[in-house]
């Protein structure tokens, strides 16, 4: 049972695409799906930084403009 030239080419291209996909999963796809680990690392690294002191030009510290305002009731 032998592959024709087209079959070998298709197998080679499929294998290459599969290899690239398996390589990219832990690097790019997994962090996009679950970013909680990276948020914990970022929180730990930034715990001793006072953002008010390092903010340039006396500008306010960034806040999310799309966050919901808490209703005062």
Protein backbone atom coordinates (compact mmCIF):
# COMPACT_ATOMS: atom_id res chain seq x y z
CA UNK A 1 0.00 0.00 0.00
CA UNK A 2 1.76 3.13 -1.14
CA UNK A 3 0.76 6.75 -1.21
CA UNK A 4 0.67 8.61 -4.46
CA UNK A 5 2.54 11.91 -4.70
CA UNK A 6 -0.65 13.82 -3.95
CA UNK A 7 -1.36 11.67 -0.91
CA UNK A 8 2.15 12.24 0.48
CA UNK A 9 1.87 15.98 -0.08
CA UNK A 10 -1.51 16.11 1.65
CA UNK A 11 -0.15 14.06 4.56
CA UNK A 12 2.92 16.33 4.83
CA UNK A 13 0.86 19.54 4.79
CA UNK A 14 -1.67 18.11 7.26
CA UNK A 15 1.11 16.99 9.59
CA UNK A 16 2.77 20.41 9.39
CA UNK A 17 -0.48 22.23 10.14
CA UNK A 18 -1.20 19.85 13.00
CA UNK A 19 2.28 20.36 14.44
CA UNK A 20 1.92 24.14 14.27
CA UNK A 21 -1.49 23.90 15.92
CA UNK A 22 -0.17 21.72 18.75
CA UNK A 23 2.76 24.07 19.24
CA UNK A 24 0.59 27.21 19.32
CA UNK A 25 -1.99 25.85 21.75
CA UNK A 26 -0.05 26.33 25.02
CA UNK A 27 1.54 29.55 23.78
CA UNK A 28 -1.40 31.48 22.34
CA UNK A 29 -4.72 29.66 22.57
CA UNK A 30 -4.72 28.40 26.15
CA UNK A 31 -3.97 31.83 27.73
CA UNK A 32 -6.84 33.36 25.72
CA UNK A 33 -9.26 30.73 26.96
CA UNK A 34 -8.29 30.90 30.65
CA UNK A 35 -6.39 34.01 31.75
CA UNK A 36 -6.87 33.54 35.51
CA UNK A 37 -3.33 32.18 36.02
CA UNK A 38 -1.81 35.20 34.29
CA UNK A 39 -3.99 37.58 36.30
CA UNK A 40 -2.70 36.01 39.54
CA UNK A 41 0.91 36.37 38.37
CA UNK A 42 0.31 40.00 37.36
CA UNK A 43 -1.34 40.81 40.69
CA UNK A 44 1.60 39.27 42.59
CA UNK A 45 4.21 41.16 40.56
CA UNK A 46 2.43 44.52 40.91
CA UNK A 47 1.49 44.36 44.60
CA UNK A 48 4.33 46.69 45.75
CA UNK A 49 3.89 49.27 42.97
CA UNK A 50 2.09 52.51 43.79
CA UNK A 51 0.48 53.50 40.49
CA UNK A 52 -0.21 57.04 41.65
CA UNK A 53 3.54 57.71 42.04
CA UNK A 54 4.60 56.36 38.64
CA UNK A 55 1.73 57.80 36.60
CA UNK A 56 3.21 60.37 34.15
CA UNK A 57 1.96 63.92 33.86
CA UNK A 58 -0.22 63.84 36.97
CA UNK A 59 -2.80 61.92 34.97
CA UNK A 60 -5.33 59.74 36.80
CA UNK A 61 -4.70 56.00 36.95
CA UNK A 62 -6.45 54.17 34.13
CA UNK A 63 -9.87 52.75 34.82
CA UNK A 64 -12.12 50.70 32.60
CA UNK A 65 -14.48 53.09 30.77
CA UNK A 66 -16.89 50.24 30.02
CA UNK A 67 -17.31 48.96 33.56
CA UNK A 68 -20.78 49.23 35.04
CA UNK A 69 -21.35 51.96 37.59
CA UNK A 70 -22.63 50.73 40.93
CA UNK A 71 -26.13 52.04 41.52
CA UNK A 72 -26.55 53.97 44.74
CA UNK A 73 -29.78 52.82 46.38
